[in-house]
Amino acid sequence: MKKYMRSGKDIFLVIALSLIFNVSFAQQVPMYSQYIMNGFLVNPSFAGRDGYTTLTLTTRNQWVGMKEAPSTYAASFQTRILKNSYISKSTSVKKKIVRPTKGGRVGAGGYIFNDNNGIMRRTGIQGIYSYHIPLGTTDGYPNDLAFGLGLTAYQYAINMNGLIYDYSDPLLNNYDRSVFITDFNFGASFTTSKYYAGFAMTNILRGSLLFGDTTRTNRNELGHYFLTGGIKIPLAPDWILEPSGFLKSSDMLLKSIQLDLTARVYYKEDYWLGLSWRTNDAIILMLGLKFDRFYFAYASDFTLTDIRRESFGSHELTLAVKFGESARRYRWINAY
């Protein structure tokens, strides 16, 4: 009986694999429930938005209890290069010139990631550059228009060990088990002290810049598109309500649209509790706290589809540490 169950699972994997390679070399980007804390992982223009230097660790295990279930691990860094920061530019072997940066308008960041989805795995790194343009102030805080570009490079690998399939199938034999892909992501955003909105797109080159591709199989990745937005509504002196939305789509357009609607309540900005609804997928409970410069956040997805019968939901944990005093956050205002 176990043998037949194993064969059934393998057949399912082969069908999924065939769908992926038949028309396109599609890659589902990692999913994050706590997109508010991981904003720059989705939109590169968010790098350096709050002025802190931030280190973040994120782990997500989806559909816990199911074999070969998706999982994502990421370690990220972001910062804002301030007015009194300096860079060293080499003009020759013997001469160096030290020049001030451009008034704190530059954000920078990067992250490494490992994304597993069944027999498919992506492991790579992304470097991010953002440029922030001031557009006045609201309540003494800058209105920020930002653009960001991310350069990503990763290994896309498929593990066929233990998979039962037709060895004579030309589709499954005429592609590389591992390739290296380089691509670009783009983002734009507008942020004030009360609300924010952003747009981002991934895989601008559609995965066409491949290394290690020996079979020349006609394949490409899907581009993904993200719209984010949120607003802060004061409820009482120490309480804030933040409704937000996260719209996701791809080159498949209407067939791939998914929406996260979220409401988070903050107490003194040190504690928060949230509830989110993801269309055709899950209800998500979120909670978090801040202690000194350390941030802890947890999200649990309660699946609404039939997968709930085979799993124990999805779990996401985020740990972050922010360096820099509060006054440092808006020091670049003096440069404008």
Protein backbone atom coordinates (compact mmCIF):
# COMPACT_ATOMS: atom_id res chain seq x y z
CA MET A 1 0.00 0.00 0.00
CA LYS A 2 2.80 2.42 0.90
CA LYS A 3 4.44 1.63 -2.43
CA TYR A 4 1.33 2.69 -4.34
CA MET A 5 0.98 5.83 -2.23
CA ARG A 6 4.61 6.69 -2.98
CA SER A 7 4.01 6.13 -6.69
CA GLY A 8 0.96 8.37 -6.55
CA LYS A 9 2.96 11.17 -4.98
CA ASP A 10 5.69 10.75 -7.57
CA ILE A 11 3.16 10.89 -10.39
CA PHE A 12 1.82 14.12 -8.92
CA LEU A 13 5.36 15.55 -8.86
CA VAL A 14 5.94 14.54 -12.46
CA ILE A 15 2.70 16.22 -13.54
CA ALA A 16 3.69 19.39 -11.70
CA LEU A 17 7.16 19.24 -13.22
CA SER A 18 5.72 18.78 -16.69
CA LEU A 19 3.47 21.80 -16.30
CA ILE A 20 6.46 23.87 -15.29
CA PHE A 21 8.74 22.90 -18.16
CA ASN A 22 6.19 22.38 -20.90
CA VAL A 23 5.40 26.02 -21.53
CA SER A 24 7.73 28.03 -19.34
CA PHE A 25 10.46 27.75 -16.75
CA ALA A 26 8.16 29.25 -14.14
CA GLN A 27 9.36 29.93 -10.60
CA GLN A 28 7.00 30.84 -7.82
CA VAL A 29 8.65 33.57 -5.76
CA PRO A 30 8.80 33.05 -1.99
CA MET A 31 5.65 33.95 -0.06
CA TYR A 32 5.76 36.09 3.08
CA SER A 33 2.83 36.66 5.43
CA GLN A 34 4.68 39.42 7.30
CA TYR A 35 5.34 41.53 4.21
CA ILE A 36 5.20 44.69 6.35
CA MET A 37 8.33 43.66 8.27
CA ASN A 38 9.95 42.22 5.13
CA GLY A 39 9.02 45.06 2.79
CA PHE A 40 12.33 45.39 1.01
CA LEU A 41 12.43 41.65 0.25
CA VAL A 42 9.39 42.33 -1.95
CA ASN A 43 10.13 45.91 -3.08
CA PRO A 44 13.78 47.06 -3.41
CA SER A 45 12.80 50.75 -3.07
CA PHE A 46 12.01 50.14 0.62
CA ALA A 47 15.72 49.62 1.40
CA GLY A 48 16.78 52.27 3.91
CA ARG A 49 13.26 53.69 4.17
CA ASP A 50 13.18 54.09 7.97
CA GLY A 51 16.79 55.23 8.34
CA TYR A 52 17.88 52.41 10.60
CA THR A 53 20.57 49.85 9.85
CA THR A 54 18.65 46.58 10.12
CA LEU A 55 19.61 42.92 10.22
CA THR A 56 16.73 40.44 9.76
CA LEU A 57 16.35 36.67 9.84
CA THR A 58 13.20 35.09 8.40
CA THR A 59 12.12 31.47 8.27
CA ARG A 60 8.87 30.17 6.80
CA ASN A 61 7.61 26.59 6.80
CA GLN A 62 4.49 26.13 4.71
CA TRP A 63 1.96 23.30 5.12
CA VAL A 64 3.81 21.74 8.04
CA GLY A 65 3.34 17.97 8.12
CA MET A 66 3.34 17.47 4.35
CA LYS A 67 6.35 15.87 2.71
CA GLU A 68 8.28 18.14 0.32
CA ALA A 69 6.28 21.15 1.56
CA PRO A 70 7.61 24.63 0.65
CA SER A 71 10.05 26.34 3.01
CA THR A 72 11.97 29.60 2.82
CA TYR A 73 14.96 30.92 4.77
CA ALA A 74 16.35 34.43 4.34
CA ALA A 75 18.95 36.66 6.03
CA SER A 76 18.86 40.32 5.04
CA PHE A 77 20.61 43.63 5.65
CA GLN A 78 19.56 47.17 4.81
CA THR A 79 20.67 50.71 5.69
CA ARG A 80 20.42 54.36 4.71
CA ILE A 81 23.68 56.10 3.82
CA LEU A 82 23.46 59.34 5.82
CA LYS A 83 24.57 62.89 5.20
CA ASN A 84 27.75 62.57 7.25
CA SER A 85 28.76 59.22 5.79
CA TYR A 86 31.73 58.98 3.44
CA ILE A 87 32.81 56.73 0.62
CA SER A 88 36.29 56.10 -0.67
CA LYS A 89 36.80 56.25 -4.42
CA SER A 90 40.00 54.95 -5.94
CA THR A 91 41.18 56.97 -8.94
CA SER A 92 44.44 55.13 -9.38
CA VAL A 93 46.62 52.57 -7.68
CA LYS A 94 48.38 55.21 -5.59
CA LYS A 95 45.63 57.80 -5.07
CA LYS A 96 42.33 57.71 -3.25
CA ILE A 97 39.72 60.44 -2.90
CA VAL A 98 37.24 60.47 -0.02
CA ARG A 99 33.95 62.17 -0.89
CA PRO A 100 30.72 62.65 1.07
CA THR A 101 27.67 60.72 -0.05
CA LYS A 102 24.70 62.41 -1.71
CA GLY A 103 22.86 63.82 1.27
CA GLY A 104 21.50 60.58 2.66
CA ARG A 105 19.36 59.80 -0.35
CA VAL A 106 20.92 56.40 -1.01
CA GLY A 107 19.67 53.18 0.53
CA ALA A 108 21.46 49.86 0.23
CA GLY A 109 20.78 46.30 1.20
CA GLY A 110 21.05 42.67 0.33
CA TYR A 111 19.97 39.23 1.36
CA ILE A 112 20.75 35.59 0.92
CA PHE A 113 17.97 33.04 0.60
CA ASN A 114 17.17 29.37 0.26
CA ASP A 115 13.72 28.60 -1.14
CA ASN A 116 12.53 24.98 -1.36
CA ASN A 117 9.38 23.92 -3.17
CA GLY A 118 9.05 20.15 -3.44
CA ILE A 119 11.82 18.80 -5.66
CA MET A 120 12.74 22.34 -6.75
CA ARG A 121 15.18 24.58 -4.90
CA ARG A 122 16.48 28.14 -5.32
CA THR A 123 19.57 29.31 -3.45
CA GLY A 124 20.99 32.74 -4.11
CA ILE A 125 21.79 36.31 -3.19
CA GLN A 126 20.42 39.72 -4.06
CA GLY A 127 22.03 43.15 -3.81
CA ILE A 128 19.78 46.23 -3.66
CA TYR A 129 20.27 49.93 -4.40
CA SER A 130 17.58 52.53 -3.69
CA TYR A 131 17.38 56.29 -4.24
CA HIS A 132 15.08 58.46 -2.12
CA ILE A 133 13.68 61.81 -3.25
CA PRO A 134 12.16 64.18 -0.64
CA LEU A 135 8.74 65.67 -1.43
CA GLY A 136 8.05 67.95 1.51
CA THR A 137 7.10 66.89 5.03
CA THR A 138 4.00 65.74 6.93
CA ASP A 139 3.85 66.36 10.68
CA GLY A 140 7.58 67.08 10.61
CA TYR A 141 8.47 63.80 8.87
CA PRO A 142 9.68 63.59 5.25
CA ASN A 143 7.48 62.46 2.40
CA ASP A 144 9.65 60.00 0.55
CA LEU A 145 9.51 58.99 -3.12
CA ALA A 146 11.91 56.13 -3.76
CA PHE A 147 13.09 53.91 -6.59
CA GLY A 148 15.03 50.70 -6.18
CA LEU A 149 16.83 48.14 -8.29
CA GLY A 150 17.85 44.68 -7.18
CA LEU A 151 20.39 42.39 -8.86
CA THR A 152 19.73 38.76 -8.03
CA ALA A 153 21.73 35.64 -8.82
CA TYR A 154 20.71 32.16 -7.79
CA GLN A 155 21.03 28.47 -8.50
CA TYR A 156 17.86 26.74 -9.67
CA ALA A 157 18.14 23.02 -8.98
CA ILE A 158 15.86 19.99 -9.24
CA ASN A 159 16.39 16.86 -7.15
CA MET A 160 15.20 13.75 -9.03
CA ASN A 161 16.46 11.28 -6.42
CA GLY A 162 13.74 8.79 -5.52
CA LEU A 163 11.37 10.15 -8.15
CA ILE A 164 9.62 7.50 -10.26
CA TYR A 165 9.08 8.63 -13.84
CA ASP A 166 9.30 7.46 -17.44
CA TYR A 167 13.03 7.52 -18.22
CA SER A 168 12.27 7.66 -21.95
CA ASP A 169 10.29 10.89 -21.57
CA PRO A 170 12.21 13.46 -23.66
CA LEU A 171 10.80 16.33 -21.60
CA LEU A 172 12.29 15.05 -18.37
CA ASN A 173 15.62 14.13 -19.93
CA ASN A 174 16.35 17.19 -22.04
CA TYR A 175 17.00 19.84 -19.45
CA ASP A 176 19.71 20.56 -16.90
CA ARG A 177 19.11 19.57 -13.30
CA SER A 178 20.88 22.73 -12.16
CA VAL A 179 21.34 26.16 -13.76
CA PHE A 180 22.44 29.58 -12.54
CA ILE A 181 20.17 32.54 -13.28
CA THR A 182 20.90 36.26 -13.05
CA ASP A 183 18.08 38.78 -13.19
CA PHE A 184 16.84 42.20 -12.02
CA ASN A 185 13.99 43.37 -9.81
CA PHE A 186 12.54 46.89 -9.76
CA GLY A 187 10.46 48.82 -7.25
CA ALA A 188 8.99 52.25 -6.58
CA SER A 189 7.26 53.58 -3.47
CA PHE A 190 5.87 56.69 -1.79
CA THR A 191 5.93 56.95 2.00
CA THR A 192 4.69 59.53 4.52
CA SER A 193 4.28 59.40 8.29
CA LYS A 194 0.66 58.29 7.78
CA TYR A 195 0.58 56.00 4.74
CA TYR A 196 2.66 54.24 2.10
CA ALA A 197 2.16 52.71 -1.36
CA GLY A 198 4.50 50.70 -3.56
CA PHE A 199 4.82 48.80 -6.82
CA ALA A 200 7.44 46.17 -7.65
CA MET A 201 8.21 43.67 -10.38
CA THR A 202 10.60 40.72 -10.47
CA ASN A 203 12.50 38.88 -13.21
CA ILE A 204 12.75 41.77 -15.64
CA LEU A 205 14.87 39.61 -17.97
CA ARG A 206 12.48 36.67 -17.48
CA GLY A 207 15.39 34.42 -16.51
CA SER A 208 16.94 34.67 -19.96
CA LEU A 209 20.48 35.17 -18.58
CA LEU A 210 21.38 31.54 -17.82
CA PHE A 211 24.68 29.92 -16.91
CA GLY A 212 25.26 26.18 -17.08
CA ASP A 213 22.47 25.66 -19.62
CA THR A 214 23.81 22.91 -21.88
CA THR A 215 20.54 21.70 -23.41
CA ARG A 216 19.35 25.07 -24.82
CA THR A 217 15.80 24.15 -23.81
CA ASN A 218 13.27 26.87 -24.62
CA ARG A 219 12.30 28.09 -21.16
CA ASN A 220 11.81 31.30 -19.26
CA GLU A 221 10.65 32.51 -15.85
CA LEU A 222 7.47 34.37 -15.13
CA GLY A 223 7.59 38.01 -14.13
CA HIS A 224 5.76 38.78 -10.88
CA TYR A 225 4.07 42.06 -9.93
CA PHE A 226 3.31 43.42 -6.46
CA LEU A 227 1.18 46.31 -5.22
CA THR A 228 1.38 47.23 -1.53
CA GLY A 229 -0.25 49.95 0.52
CA GLY A 230 -1.18 50.83 4.08
CA ILE A 231 -2.38 53.66 6.30
CA LYS A 232 -1.95 54.40 10.01
CA ILE A 233 -5.08 55.47 11.90
CA PRO A 234 -4.66 56.79 15.49
CA LEU A 235 -7.26 55.21 17.81
CA ALA A 236 -6.04 56.60 21.15
CA PRO A 237 -2.84 58.20 22.49
CA ASP A 238 -1.03 54.83 22.60
CA TRP A 239 -3.00 52.84 20.01
CA ILE A 240 -2.70 52.75 16.21
CA LEU A 241 -4.68 50.76 13.64
CA GLU A 242 -2.88 49.94 10.37
CA PRO A 243 -4.99 48.46 7.55
CA SER A 244 -2.90 47.32 4.57
CA GLY A 245 -3.13 45.39 1.35
CA PHE A 246 -0.77 43.27 -0.75
CA LEU A 247 -1.81 42.42 -4.33
CA LYS A 248 0.24 39.77 -6.17
CA SER A 249 0.11 38.73 -9.81
CA SER A 250 2.34 37.42 -12.62
CA ASP A 251 2.55 37.27 -16.41
CA MET A 252 -0.46 34.97 -16.20
CA LEU A 253 -2.38 38.12 -15.12
CA LEU A 254 -5.94 37.46 -13.95
CA LYS A 255 -5.32 33.74 -13.46
CA SER A 256 -2.66 34.40 -10.82
CA ILE A 257 -4.07 37.34 -8.83
CA GLN A 258 -3.94 36.93 -5.06
CA LEU A 259 -4.75 39.53 -2.41
CA ASP A 260 -3.75 39.82 1.25
CA LEU A 261 -5.96 42.14 3.33
CA THR A 262 -4.45 42.87 6.74
CA ALA A 263 -5.29 44.85 9.86
CA ARG A 264 -2.70 45.32 12.62
CA VAL A 265 -3.20 47.07 15.96
CA TYR A 266 -0.16 48.61 17.70
CA TYR A 267 0.24 49.54 21.35
CA LYS A 268 2.96 52.17 21.85
CA GLU A 269 4.53 50.72 18.67
CA ASP A 270 6.12 48.11 20.96
CA TYR A 271 3.44 45.42 20.70
CA TRP A 272 1.16 44.49 17.84
CA LEU A 273 -1.51 41.99 16.88
CA GLY A 274 -2.83 41.43 13.38
CA LEU A 275 -5.25 39.45 11.30
CA SER A 276 -4.99 38.87 7.56
CA TRP A 277 -7.10 37.19 4.89
CA ARG A 278 -5.43 35.77 1.79
CA THR A 279 -7.88 35.14 -1.04
CA ASN A 280 -8.57 31.48 -1.79
CA ASP A 281 -5.87 30.42 0.66
CA ALA A 282 -5.72 31.26 4.36
CA ILE A 283 -6.55 33.29 7.44
CA ILE A 284 -3.36 34.56 9.09
CA LEU A 285 -2.80 35.49 12.72
CA MET A 286 0.18 37.74 13.47
CA LEU A 287 1.74 39.01 16.66
CA GLY A 288 4.95 40.78 17.55
CA LEU A 289 6.86 42.80 20.10
CA LYS A 290 9.78 45.19 20.34
CA PHE A 291 12.35 45.07 23.15
CA ASP A 292 15.00 47.78 23.04
CA ARG A 293 16.37 47.46 19.49
CA PHE A 294 15.19 43.88 18.97
CA TYR A 295 12.01 42.88 17.11
CA PHE A 296 10.22 39.55 17.21
CA ALA A 297 7.27 38.62 14.98
CA TYR A 298 5.34 35.42 14.38
CA ALA A 299 2.63 34.53 11.86
CA SER A 300 0.50 31.41 11.61
CA ASP A 301 -1.49 30.64 8.45
CA PHE A 302 -4.71 28.68 8.90
CA THR A 303 -5.26 27.11 5.49
CA LEU A 304 -8.77 27.32 4.00
CA THR A 305 -8.24 24.86 1.14
CA ASP A 306 -8.34 21.05 1.27
CA ILE A 307 -4.62 21.06 2.12
CA ARG A 308 -5.66 21.76 5.72
CA ARG A 309 -6.60 18.09 6.04
CA GLU A 310 -3.01 17.04 5.36
CA SER A 311 -1.04 19.73 7.16
CA PHE A 312 -0.76 21.73 10.38
CA GLY A 313 -0.83 25.11 8.71
CA SER A 314 2.08 27.40 7.88
CA HIS A 315 4.41 29.16 10.31
CA GLU A 316 6.64 32.19 9.79
CA LEU A 317 9.14 33.63 12.26
CA THR A 318 11.00 36.93 11.89
CA LEU A 319 13.79 38.27 14.11
CA ALA A 320 15.28 41.73 13.54
CA VAL A 321 17.70 44.11 15.19
CA LYS A 322 17.88 47.82 14.32
CA PHE A 323 20.90 50.01 14.94
CA GLY A 324 20.72 53.80 15.23
CA GLU A 325 18.95 56.24 17.52
CA SER A 326 15.51 57.60 16.68
CA ALA A 327 16.96 61.05 15.96
CA ARG A 328 19.24 59.46 13.35
CA ARG A 329 16.28 58.27 11.28
CA TYR A 330 15.61 61.66 9.67
CA ARG A 331 19.04 63.28 9.85
CA TRP A 332 19.16 63.57 6.07
CA ILE A 333 16.37 66.19 6.16
CA ASN A 334 19.09 68.76 6.88
CA ALA A 335 20.66 67.99 3.50
CA TYR A 336 17.63 69.10 1.48
